Amino acid sequence: PCYFEEVNVLQLFQTNMNKLQLQAKEKDLTCQIQLDINAQLFAYWDSQRIHQVLQNICRNAVFYTDSPGQISVRLYQKNNFVICQIQDSAPAVDINDINRLFEPLF
């Protein structure tokens, strides 16, 4: 079940991005983070689920990026949406595996 609550978007992302920067540094990766969100922006989210998704994506970016590499995160608001873009350098996902990325345990 999901437990929705009012969440400070910037605060939630800053916590996750601090962890990402530490993990990236340990692997000799450059980590660029751009949080273009108003500090007073709140969203009605399940904060634990959003935290879990961010952790999984960031952990995978660190794990699957070759050193020396780069990870960049951009968070911004567009209309009524919060958009988070996460990009990493090589290697990329094999084109044949893209459709399977959201399969459990793939």
PDB file of N, CA and C in Angstrom:
ATOM      1  N   PRO A   1       0.825  -1.211   0.000  1.00  0.00           N
ATOM      2  CA  PRO A   1       0.000   0.000   0.000  1.00  0.00           C
ATOM      3  C   PRO A   1       0.857   1.259   0.000  1.00  0.00           C
ATOM      4  N   CYS A   2       0.309   2.291  -0.563  1.00  0.00           N
ATOM      5  CA  CYS A   2       0.988   3.583  -0.585  1.00  0.00           C
ATOM      6  C   CYS A   2       0.449   4.460   0.527  1.00  0.00           C
ATOM      7  N   TYR A   3       1.327   5.257   1.105  1.00  0.00           N
ATOM      8  CA  TYR A   3       0.960   6.193   2.172  1.00  0.00           C
ATOM      9  C   TYR A   3       1.340   7.595   1.722  1.00  0.00           C
ATOM     10  N   PHE A   4       0.381   8.303   1.185  1.00  0.00           N
ATOM     11  CA  PHE A   4       0.632   9.630   0.651  1.00  0.00           C
ATOM     12  C   PHE A   4       0.622  10.671   1.762  1.00  0.00           C
ATOM     13  N   GLU A   5       1.522  11.628   1.608  1.00  0.00           N
ATOM     14  CA  GLU A   5       1.627  12.722   2.561  1.00  0.00           C
ATOM     15  C   GLU A   5       2.234  13.913   1.837  1.00  0.00           C
ATOM     16  N   GLU A   6       2.121  15.067   2.425  1.00  0.00           N
ATOM     17  CA  GLU A   6       2.734  16.253   1.848  1.00  0.00           C
ATOM     18  C   GLU A   6       4.237  16.198   2.116  1.00  0.00           C
ATOM     19  N   VAL A   7       5.022  16.279   1.062  1.00  0.00           N
ATOM     20  CA  VAL A   7       6.473  16.105   1.152  1.00  0.00           C
ATOM     21  C   VAL A   7       7.170  17.319   0.544  1.00  0.00           C
ATOM     22  N   ASN A   8       8.197  17.807   1.217  1.00  0.00           N
ATOM     23  CA  ASN A   8       9.035  18.859   0.667  1.00  0.00           C
ATOM     24  C   ASN A   8       9.941  18.225  -0.386  1.00  0.00           C
ATOM     25  N   VAL A   9       9.721  18.582  -1.637  1.00  0.00           N
ATOM     26  CA  VAL A   9      10.411  17.939  -2.757  1.00  0.00           C
ATOM     27  C   VAL A   9      11.922  18.144  -2.672  1.00  0.00           C
ATOM     28  N   LEU A  10      12.353  19.366  -2.447  1.00  0.00           N
ATOM     29  CA  LEU A  10      13.787  19.659  -2.399  1.00  0.00           C
ATOM     30  C   LEU A  10      14.472  18.886  -1.282  1.00  0.00           C
ATOM     31  N   GLN A  11      13.864  18.840  -0.129  1.00  0.00           N
ATOM     32  CA  GLN A  11      14.450  18.135   1.014  1.00  0.00           C
ATOM     33  C   GLN A  11      14.590  16.636   0.724  1.00  0.00           C
ATOM     34  N   LEU A  12      13.574  16.041   0.134  1.00  0.00           N
ATOM     35  CA  LEU A  12      13.624  14.620  -0.199  1.00  0.00           C
ATOM     36  C   LEU A  12      14.752  14.330  -1.187  1.00  0.00           C
ATOM     37  N   PHE A  13      14.881  15.164  -2.204  1.00  0.00           N
ATOM     38  CA  PHE A  13      15.908  14.933  -3.216  1.00  0.00           C
ATOM     39  C   PHE A  13      17.302  15.223  -2.679  1.00  0.00           C
ATOM     40  N   GLN A  14      17.454  16.245  -1.848  1.00  0.00           N
ATOM     41  CA  GLN A  14      18.779  16.563  -1.306  1.00  0.00           C
ATOM     42  C   GLN A  14      19.327  15.392  -0.493  1.00  0.00           C
ATOM     43  N   THR A  15      18.479  14.760   0.286  1.00  0.00           N
ATOM     44  CA  THR A  15      18.917  13.605   1.073  1.00  0.00           C
ATOM     45  C   THR A  15      19.451  12.505   0.157  1.00  0.00           C
ATOM     46  N   ASN A  16      18.713  12.220  -0.902  1.00  0.00           N
ATOM     47  CA  ASN A  16      19.151  11.189  -1.837  1.00  0.00           C
ATOM     48  C   ASN A  16      20.387  11.591  -2.623  1.00  0.00           C
ATOM     49  N   MET A  17      20.485  12.844  -2.995  1.00  0.00           N
ATOM     50  CA  MET A  17      21.622  13.297  -3.781  1.00  0.00           C
ATOM     51  C   MET A  17      22.904  13.314  -2.943  1.00  0.00           C
ATOM     52  N   ASN A  18      22.803  13.589  -1.658  1.00  0.00           N
ATOM     53  CA  ASN A  18      23.983  13.517  -0.783  1.00  0.00           C
ATOM     54  C   ASN A  18      24.541  12.100  -0.773  1.00  0.00           C
ATOM     55  N   LYS A  19      23.663  11.103  -0.700  1.00  0.00           N
ATOM     56  CA  LYS A  19      24.101   9.702  -0.739  1.00  0.00           C
ATOM     57  C   LYS A  19      24.724   9.377  -2.081  1.00  0.00           C
ATOM     58  N   LEU A  20      24.106   9.858  -3.154  1.00  0.00           N
ATOM     59  CA  LEU A  20      24.634   9.606  -4.495  1.00  0.00           C
ATOM     60  C   LEU A  20      26.037  10.176  -4.640  1.00  0.00           C
ATOM     61  N   GLN A  21      26.256  11.388  -4.163  1.00  0.00           N
ATOM     62  CA  GLN A  21      27.582  12.002  -4.273  1.00  0.00           C
ATOM     63  C   GLN A  21      28.639  11.198  -3.528  1.00  0.00           C
ATOM     64  N   LEU A  22      28.301  10.694  -2.354  1.00  0.00           N
ATOM     65  CA  LEU A  22      29.255   9.871  -1.596  1.00  0.00           C
ATOM     66  C   LEU A  22      29.567   8.574  -2.329  1.00  0.00           C
ATOM     67  N   GLN A  23      28.543   7.918  -2.842  1.00  0.00           N
ATOM     68  CA  GLN A  23      28.742   6.656  -3.563  1.00  0.00           C
ATOM     69  C   GLN A  23      29.560   6.885  -4.836  1.00  0.00           C
ATOM     70  N   ALA A  24      29.273   7.968  -5.548  1.00  0.00           N
ATOM     71  CA  ALA A  24      29.997   8.268  -6.777  1.00  0.00           C
ATOM     72  C   ALA A  24      31.467   8.563  -6.484  1.00  0.00           C
ATOM     73  N   LYS A  25      31.727   9.309  -5.431  1.00  0.00           N
ATOM     74  CA  LYS A  25      33.103   9.657  -5.071  1.00  0.00           C
ATOM     75  C   LYS A  25      33.912   8.400  -4.745  1.00  0.00           C
ATOM     76  N   GLU A  26      33.284   7.450  -4.052  1.00  0.00           N
ATOM     77  CA  GLU A  26      33.975   6.202  -3.710  1.00  0.00           C
ATOM     78  C   GLU A  26      34.383   5.420  -4.951  1.00  0.00           C
ATOM     79  N   LYS A  27      33.670   5.589  -6.041  1.00  0.00           N
ATOM     80  CA  LYS A  27      33.969   4.868  -7.279  1.00  0.00           C
ATOM     81  C   LYS A  27      34.710   5.740  -8.284  1.00  0.00           C
ATOM     82  N   ASP A  28      35.164   6.913  -7.866  1.00  0.00           N
ATOM     83  CA  ASP A  28      35.892   7.843  -8.730  1.00  0.00           C
ATOM     84  C   ASP A  28      35.043   8.303  -9.910  1.00  0.00           C
ATOM     85  N   LEU A  29      33.777   8.630  -9.618  1.00  0.00           N
ATOM     86  CA  LEU A  29      32.869   9.157 -10.620  1.00  0.00           C
ATOM     87  C   LEU A  29      32.589  10.623 -10.308  1.00  0.00           C
ATOM     88  N   THR A  30      32.440  11.423 -11.340  1.00  0.00           N
ATOM     89  CA  THR A  30      32.045  12.808 -11.178  1.00  0.00           C
ATOM     90  C   THR A  30      30.530  12.856 -11.094  1.00  0.00           C
ATOM     91  N   CYS A  31      30.029  13.624 -10.163  1.00  0.00           N
ATOM     92  CA  CYS A  31      28.589  13.698  -9.952  1.00  0.00           C
ATOM     93  C   CYS A  31      28.151  15.156  -9.989  1.00  0.00           C
ATOM     94  N   GLN A  32      27.337  15.491 -10.976  1.00  0.00           N
ATOM     95  CA  GLN A  32      26.833  16.855 -11.115  1.00  0.00           C
ATOM     96  C   GLN A  32      25.340  16.847 -10.797  1.00  0.00           C
ATOM     97  N   ILE A  33      24.939  17.691  -9.855  1.00  0.00           N
ATOM     98  CA  ILE A  33      23.545  17.735  -9.423  1.00  0.00           C
ATOM     99  C   ILE A  33      23.018  19.157  -9.574  1.00  0.00           C
ATOM    100  N   GLN A  34      21.886  19.268 -10.247  1.00  0.00           N
ATOM    101  CA  GLN A  34      21.256  20.566 -10.475  1.00  0.00           C
ATOM    102  C   GLN A  34      19.809  20.473  -9.984  1.00  0.00           C
ATOM    103  N   LEU A  35      19.544  21.096  -8.849  1.00  0.00           N
ATOM    104  CA  LEU A  35      18.208  21.061  -8.262  1.00  0.00           C
ATOM    105  C   LEU A  35      17.539  22.424  -8.465  1.00  0.00           C
ATOM    106  N   ASP A  36      16.776  22.532  -9.531  1.00  0.00           N
ATOM    107  CA  ASP A  36      16.102  23.792  -9.882  1.00  0.00           C
ATOM    108  C   ASP A  36      14.657  23.764  -9.394  1.00  0.00           C
ATOM    109  N   ILE A  37      14.500  23.619  -8.092  1.00  0.00           N
ATOM    110  CA  ILE A  37      13.179  23.516  -7.478  1.00  0.00           C
ATOM    111  C   ILE A  37      13.088  24.544  -6.361  1.00  0.00           C
ATOM    112  N   ASN A  38      11.953  25.167  -6.241  1.00  0.00           N
ATOM    113  CA  ASN A  38      11.690  26.096  -5.154  1.00  0.00           C
ATOM    114  C   ASN A  38      11.773  25.347  -3.829  1.00  0.00           C
ATOM    115  N   ALA A  39      12.453  25.921  -2.868  1.00  0.00           N
ATOM    116  CA  ALA A  39      12.621  25.269  -1.559  1.00  0.00           C
ATOM    117  C   ALA A  39      11.303  25.036  -0.846  1.00  0.00           C
ATOM    118  N   GLN A  40      10.269  25.726  -1.248  1.00  0.00           N
ATOM    119  CA  GLN A  40       8.953  25.586  -0.604  1.00  0.00           C
ATOM    120  C   GLN A  40       7.978  24.756  -1.438  1.00  0.00           C
ATOM    121  N   LEU A  41       8.483  24.004  -2.411  1.00  0.00           N
ATOM    122  CA  LEU A  41       7.613  23.170  -3.240  1.00  0.00           C
ATOM    123  C   LEU A  41       7.272  21.882  -2.493  1.00  0.00           C
ATOM    124  N   PHE A  42       5.994  21.616  -2.361  1.00  0.00           N
ATOM    125  CA  PHE A  42       5.531  20.393  -1.713  1.00  0.00           C
ATOM    126  C   PHE A  42       4.734  19.563  -2.713  1.00  0.00           C
ATOM    127  N   ALA A  43       4.814  18.248  -2.568  1.00  0.00           N
ATOM    128  CA  ALA A  43       4.052  17.329  -3.412  1.00  0.00           C
ATOM    129  C   ALA A  43       3.357  16.316  -2.511  1.00  0.00           C
ATOM    130  N   TYR A  44       2.292  15.775  -2.999  1.00  0.00           N
ATOM    131  CA  TYR A  44       1.540  14.767  -2.262  1.00  0.00           C
ATOM    132  C   TYR A  44       1.998  13.404  -2.760  1.00  0.00           C
ATOM    133  N   TRP A  45       3.019  12.854  -2.095  1.00  0.00           N
ATOM    134  CA  TRP A  45       3.689  11.631  -2.523  1.00  0.00           C
ATOM    135  C   TRP A  45       3.772  10.639  -1.383  1.00  0.00           C
ATOM    136  N   ASP A  46       4.058   9.401  -1.745  1.00  0.00           N
ATOM    137  CA  ASP A  46       4.489   8.397  -0.785  1.00  0.00           C
ATOM    138  C   ASP A  46       6.009   8.556  -0.708  1.00  0.00           C
ATOM    139  N   SER A  47       6.478   9.254   0.302  1.00  0.00           N
ATOM    140  CA  SER A  47       7.901   9.614   0.369  1.00  0.00           C
ATOM    141  C   SER A  47       8.814   8.394   0.432  1.00  0.00           C
ATOM    142  N   GLN A  48       8.376   7.327   1.087  1.00  0.00           N
ATOM    143  CA  GLN A  48       9.219   6.129   1.156  1.00  0.00           C
ATOM    144  C   GLN A  48       9.372   5.479  -0.214  1.00  0.00           C
ATOM    145  N   ARG A  49       8.299   5.462  -0.987  1.00  0.00           N
ATOM    146  CA  ARG A  49       8.374   4.877  -2.339  1.00  0.00           C
ATOM    147  C   ARG A  49       9.245   5.727  -3.259  1.00  0.00           C
ATOM    148  N   ILE A  50       9.072   7.038  -3.204  1.00  0.00           N
ATOM    149  CA  ILE A  50       9.902   7.922  -4.032  1.00  0.00           C
ATOM    150  C   ILE A  50      11.367   7.787  -3.625  1.00  0.00           C
ATOM    151  N   HIS A  51      11.629   7.738  -2.333  1.00  0.00           N
ATOM    152  CA  HIS A  51      12.992   7.544  -1.826  1.00  0.00           C
ATOM    153  C   HIS A  51      13.570   6.226  -2.348  1.00  0.00           C
ATOM    154  N   GLN A  52      12.775   5.168  -2.312  1.00  0.00           N
ATOM    155  CA  GLN A  52      13.218   3.849  -2.771  1.00  0.00           C
ATOM    156  C   GLN A  52      13.547   3.869  -4.269  1.00  0.00           C
ATOM    157  N   VAL A  53      12.693   4.485  -5.060  1.00  0.00           N
ATOM    158  CA  VAL A  53      12.934   4.569  -6.499  1.00  0.00           C
ATOM    159  C   VAL A  53      14.224   5.343  -6.776  1.00  0.00           C
ATOM    160  N   LEU A  54      14.381   6.483  -6.119  1.00  0.00           N
ATOM    161  CA  LEU A  54      15.591   7.285  -6.315  1.00  0.00           C
ATOM    162  C   LEU A  54      16.845   6.521  -5.906  1.00  0.00           C
ATOM    163  N   GLN A  55      16.776   5.840  -4.776  1.00  0.00           N
ATOM    164  CA  GLN A  55      17.932   5.055  -4.320  1.00  0.00           C
ATOM    165  C   GLN A  55      18.297   3.979  -5.332  1.00  0.00           C
ATOM    166  N   ASN A  56      17.295   3.279  -5.845  1.00  0.00           N
ATOM    167  CA  ASN A  56      17.561   2.206  -6.805  1.00  0.00           C
ATOM    168  C   ASN A  56      18.190   2.748  -8.084  1.00  0.00           C
ATOM    169  N   ILE A  57      17.630   3.823  -8.614  1.00  0.00           N
ATOM    170  CA  ILE A  57      18.158   4.392  -9.854  1.00  0.00           C
ATOM    171  C   ILE A  57      19.570   4.931  -9.645  1.00  0.00           C
ATOM    172  N   CYS A  58      19.790   5.642  -8.547  1.00  0.00           N
ATOM    173  CA  CYS A  58      21.114   6.199  -8.275  1.00  0.00           C
ATOM    174  C   CYS A  58      22.142   5.103  -8.009  1.00  0.00           C
ATOM    175  N   ARG A  59      21.752   4.092  -7.265  1.00  0.00           N
ATOM    176  CA  ARG A  59      22.660   2.974  -6.995  1.00  0.00           C
ATOM    177  C   ARG A  59      23.052   2.287  -8.301  1.00  0.00           C
ATOM    178  N   ASN A  60      22.080   2.086  -9.186  1.00  0.00           N
ATOM    179  CA  ASN A  60      22.372   1.466 -10.479  1.00  0.00           C
ATOM    180  C   ASN A  60      23.269   2.355 -11.332  1.00  0.00           C
ATOM    181  N   ALA A  61      23.035   3.660 -11.286  1.00  0.00           N
ATOM    182  CA  ALA A  61      23.893   4.576 -12.050  1.00  0.00           C
ATOM    183  C   ALA A  61      25.343   4.462 -11.587  1.00  0.00           C
ATOM    184  N   VAL A  62      25.555   4.392 -10.293  1.00  0.00           N
ATOM    185  CA  VAL A  62      26.914   4.257  -9.758  1.00  0.00           C
ATOM    186  C   VAL A  62      27.490   2.885 -10.109  1.00  0.00           C
ATOM    187  N   PHE A  63      26.719   1.843  -9.892  1.00  0.00           N
ATOM    188  CA  PHE A  63      27.202   0.479 -10.098  1.00  0.00           C
ATOM    189  C   PHE A  63      27.547   0.205 -11.562  1.00  0.00           C
ATOM    190  N   TYR A  64      26.733   0.706 -12.480  1.00  0.00           N
ATOM    191  CA  TYR A  64      26.894   0.373 -13.894  1.00  0.00           C
ATOM    192  C   TYR A  64      27.630   1.424 -14.704  1.00  0.00           C
ATOM    193  N   THR A  65      28.197   2.423 -14.054  1.00  0.00           N
ATOM    194  CA  THR A  65      28.989   3.426 -14.767  1.00  0.00           C
ATOM    195  C   THR A  65      30.467   3.127 -14.558  1.00  0.00           C
ATOM    196  N   ASP A  66      31.188   3.040 -15.682  1.00  0.00           N
ATOM    197  CA  ASP A  66      32.622   2.762 -15.599  1.00  0.00           C
ATOM    198  C   ASP A  66      33.375   3.984 -15.101  1.00  0.00           C
ATOM    199  N   SER A  67      34.417   3.728 -14.324  1.00  0.00           N
ATOM    200  CA  SER A  67      35.266   4.778 -13.795  1.00  0.00           C
ATOM    201  C   SER A  67      36.419   5.019 -14.772  1.00  0.00           C
ATOM    202  N   PRO A  68      36.843   6.223 -15.011  1.00  0.00           N
ATOM    203  CA  PRO A  68      36.243   7.459 -14.537  1.00  0.00           C
ATOM    204  C   PRO A  68      35.019   7.777 -15.385  1.00  0.00           C
ATOM    205  N   GLY A  69      33.969   8.085 -14.741  1.00  0.00           N
ATOM    206  CA  GLY A  69      32.726   8.349 -15.453  1.00  0.00           C
ATOM    207  C   GLY A  69      31.999   9.521 -14.842  1.00  0.00           C
ATOM    208  N   GLN A  70      30.791   9.717 -15.317  1.00  0.00           N
ATOM    209  CA  GLN A  70      30.038  10.886 -14.886  1.00  0.00           C
ATOM    210  C   GLN A  70      28.562  10.530 -14.718  1.00  0.00           C
ATOM    211  N   ILE A  71      27.978  11.086 -13.663  1.00  0.00           N
ATOM    212  CA  ILE A  71      26.546  10.970 -13.420  1.00  0.00           C
ATOM    213  C   ILE A  71      26.019  12.392 -13.251  1.00  0.00           C
ATOM    214  N   SER A  72      24.927  12.683 -13.935  1.00  0.00           N
ATOM    215  CA  SER A  72      24.324  14.000 -13.760  1.00  0.00           C
ATOM    216  C   SER A  72      22.843  13.836 -13.443  1.00  0.00           C
ATOM    217  N   VAL A  73      22.393  14.684 -12.529  1.00  0.00           N
ATOM    218  CA  VAL A  73      20.998  14.674 -12.099  1.00  0.00           C
ATOM    219  C   VAL A  73      20.467  16.089 -12.232  1.00  0.00           C
ATOM    220  N   ARG A  74      19.314  16.199 -12.840  1.00  0.00           N
ATOM    221  CA  ARG A  74      18.650  17.507 -12.929  1.00  0.00           C
ATOM    222  C   ARG A  74      17.215  17.334 -12.459  1.00  0.00           C
ATOM    223  N   LEU A  75      16.831  18.168 -11.539  1.00  0.00           N
ATOM    224  CA  LEU A  75      15.473  18.164 -11.001  1.00  0.00           C
ATOM    225  C   LEU A  75      14.873  19.536 -11.264  1.00  0.00           C
ATOM    226  N   TYR A  76      13.706  19.555 -11.898  1.00  0.00           N
ATOM    227  CA  TYR A  76      13.058  20.831 -12.179  1.00  0.00           C
ATOM    228  C   TYR A  76      11.547  20.653 -12.246  1.00  0.00           C
ATOM    229  N   GLN A  77      10.866  21.763 -12.215  1.00  0.00           N
ATOM    230  CA  GLN A  77       9.411  21.763 -12.280  1.00  0.00           C
ATOM    231  C   GLN A  77       8.983  22.277 -13.645  1.00  0.00           C
ATOM    232  N   LYS A  78       8.024  21.590 -14.242  1.00  0.00           N
ATOM    233  CA  LYS A  78       7.449  22.024 -15.511  1.00  0.00           C
ATOM    234  C   LYS A  78       5.944  21.903 -15.379  1.00  0.00           C
ATOM    235  N   ASN A  79       5.281  23.049 -15.401  1.00  0.00           N
ATOM    236  CA  ASN A  79       3.833  23.108 -15.152  1.00  0.00           C
ATOM    237  C   ASN A  79       3.544  22.492 -13.786  1.00  0.00           C
ATOM    238  N   ASN A  80       2.717  21.488 -13.721  1.00  0.00           N
ATOM    239  CA  ASN A  80       2.390  20.848 -12.436  1.00  0.00           C
ATOM    240  C   ASN A  80       3.180  19.563 -12.206  1.00  0.00           C
ATOM    241  N   PHE A  81       4.288  19.399 -12.895  1.00  0.00           N
ATOM    242  CA  PHE A  81       5.076  18.176 -12.788  1.00  0.00           C
ATOM    243  C   PHE A  81       6.459  18.465 -12.225  1.00  0.00           C
ATOM    244  N   VAL A  82       6.981  17.509 -11.487  1.00  0.00           N
ATOM    245  CA  VAL A  82       8.378  17.534 -11.057  1.00  0.00           C
ATOM    246  C   VAL A  82       9.089  16.516 -11.928  1.00  0.00           C
ATOM    247  N   ILE A  83      10.129  16.955 -12.608  1.00  0.00           N
ATOM    248  CA  ILE A  83      10.847  16.094 -13.540  1.00  0.00           C
ATOM    249  C   ILE A  83      12.254  15.866 -13.010  1.00  0.00           C
ATOM    250  N   CYS A  84      12.639  14.611 -12.973  1.00  0.00           N
ATOM    251  CA  CYS A  84      13.983  14.232 -12.538  1.00  0.00           C
ATOM    252  C   CYS A  84      14.657  13.497 -13.690  1.00  0.00           C
ATOM    253  N   GLN A  85      15.752  14.055 -14.177  1.00  0.00           N
ATOM    254  CA  GLN A  85      16.526  13.426 -15.242  1.00  0.00           C
ATOM    255  C   GLN A  85      17.836  12.929 -14.651  1.00  0.00           C
ATOM    256  N   ILE A  86      18.120  11.662 -14.852  1.00  0.00           N
ATOM    257  CA  ILE A  86      19.369  11.078 -14.373  1.00  0.00           C
ATOM    258  C   ILE A  86      20.073  10.461 -15.575  1.00  0.00           C
ATOM    259  N   GLN A  87      21.298  10.907 -15.804  1.00  0.00           N
ATOM    260  CA  GLN A  87      22.087  10.404 -16.915  1.00  0.00           C
ATOM    261  C   GLN A  87      23.433   9.936 -16.391  1.00  0.00           C
ATOM    262  N   ASP A  88      23.950   8.893 -17.024  1.00  0.00           N
ATOM    263  CA  ASP A  88      25.287   8.437 -16.674  1.00  0.00           C
ATOM    264  C   ASP A  88      26.065   8.142 -17.950  1.00  0.00           C
ATOM    265  N   SER A  89      27.370   8.044 -17.794  1.00  0.00           N
ATOM    266  CA  SER A  89      28.226   7.769 -18.944  1.00  0.00           C
ATOM    267  C   SER A  89      28.332   6.258 -19.148  1.00  0.00           C
ATOM    268  N   ALA A  90      29.160   5.883 -20.078  1.00  0.00           N
ATOM    269  CA  ALA A  90      29.279   4.483 -20.523  1.00  0.00           C
ATOM    270  C   ALA A  90      29.549   3.518 -19.371  1.00  0.00           C
ATOM    271  N   PRO A  91      29.129   2.295 -19.544  1.00  0.00           N
ATOM    272  CA  PRO A  91      28.461   1.721 -20.714  1.00  0.00           C
ATOM    273  C   PRO A  91      26.957   1.956 -20.673  1.00  0.00           C
ATOM    274  N   ALA A  92      26.348   1.927 -21.828  1.00  0.00           N
ATOM    275  CA  ALA A  92      24.895   2.106 -21.917  1.00  0.00           C
ATOM    276  C   ALA A  92      24.199   0.743 -21.828  1.00  0.00           C
ATOM    277  N   VAL A  93      22.911   0.794 -21.587  1.00  0.00           N
ATOM    278  CA  VAL A  93      22.113  -0.431 -21.584  1.00  0.00           C
ATOM    279  C   VAL A  93      22.063  -0.959 -23.009  1.00  0.00           C
ATOM    280  N   ASP A  94      22.256  -2.244 -23.157  1.00  0.00           N
ATOM    281  CA  ASP A  94      22.164  -2.875 -24.472  1.00  0.00           C
ATOM    282  C   ASP A  94      20.759  -2.646 -25.029  1.00  0.00           C
ATOM    283  N   ILE A  95      20.678  -2.271 -26.278  1.00  0.00           N
ATOM    284  CA  ILE A  95      19.402  -1.954 -26.910  1.00  0.00           C
ATOM    285  C   ILE A  95      18.411  -3.112 -26.798  1.00  0.00           C
ATOM    286  N   ASN A  96      18.890  -4.346 -26.778  1.00  0.00           N
ATOM    287  CA  ASN A  96      18.020  -5.516 -26.671  1.00  0.00           C
ATOM    288  C   ASN A  96      17.430  -5.684 -25.271  1.00  0.00           C
ATOM    289  N   ASP A  97      18.007  -5.007 -24.279  1.00  0.00           N
ATOM    290  CA  ASP A  97      17.548  -5.150 -22.896  1.00  0.00           C
ATOM    291  C   ASP A  97      16.632  -4.021 -22.429  1.00  0.00           C
ATOM    292  N   ILE A  98      16.492  -2.984 -23.207  1.00  0.00           N
ATOM    293  CA  ILE A  98      15.733  -1.805 -22.764  1.00  0.00           C
ATOM    294  C   ILE A  98      14.307  -2.155 -22.359  1.00  0.00           C
ATOM    295  N   ASN A  99      13.630  -2.991 -23.125  1.00  0.00           N
ATOM    296  CA  ASN A  99      12.246  -3.347 -22.805  1.00  0.00           C
ATOM    297  C   ASN A  99      12.116  -4.178 -21.535  1.00  0.00           C
ATOM    298  N   ARG A 100      13.213  -4.717 -21.035  1.00  0.00           N
ATOM    299  CA  ARG A 100      13.169  -5.570 -19.847  1.00  0.00           C
ATOM    300  C   ARG A 100      13.609  -4.862 -18.577  1.00  0.00           C
ATOM    301  N   LEU A 101      13.976  -3.593 -18.670  1.00  0.00           N
ATOM    302  CA  LEU A 101      14.544  -2.886 -17.515  1.00  0.00           C
ATOM    303  C   LEU A 101      13.645  -2.868 -16.290  1.00  0.00           C
ATOM    304  N   PHE A 102      12.359  -2.863 -16.466  1.00  0.00           N
ATOM    305  CA  PHE A 102      11.459  -2.776 -15.326  1.00  0.00           C
ATOM    306  C   PHE A 102      10.929  -4.130 -14.884  1.00  0.00           C
ATOM    307  N   GLU A 103      11.478  -5.196 -15.430  1.00  0.00           N
ATOM    308  CA  GLU A 103      11.126  -6.537 -14.947  1.00  0.00           C
ATOM    309  C   GLU A 103      11.793  -6.756 -13.588  1.00  0.00           C
ATOM    310  N   PRO A 104      11.073  -7.316 -12.634  1.00  0.00           N
ATOM    311  CA  PRO A 104      11.706  -7.599 -11.336  1.00  0.00           C
ATOM    312  C   PRO A 104      12.918  -8.515 -11.495  1.00  0.00           C
ATOM    313  N   LEU A 105      13.990  -8.164 -10.818  1.00  0.00           N
ATOM    314  CA  LEU A 105      15.236  -8.940 -10.753  1.00  0.00           C
ATOM    315  C   LEU A 105      15.944  -9.095 -12.086  1.00  0.00           C
ATOM    316  N   PHE A 106      15.621  -8.268 -13.090  1.00  0.00           N
ATOM    317  CA  PHE A 106      16.353  -8.335 -14.357  1.00  0.00           C
ATOM    318  C   PHE A 106      17.705  -7.696 -14.179  1.00  0.00           C
TER     319      PHE A 106
END
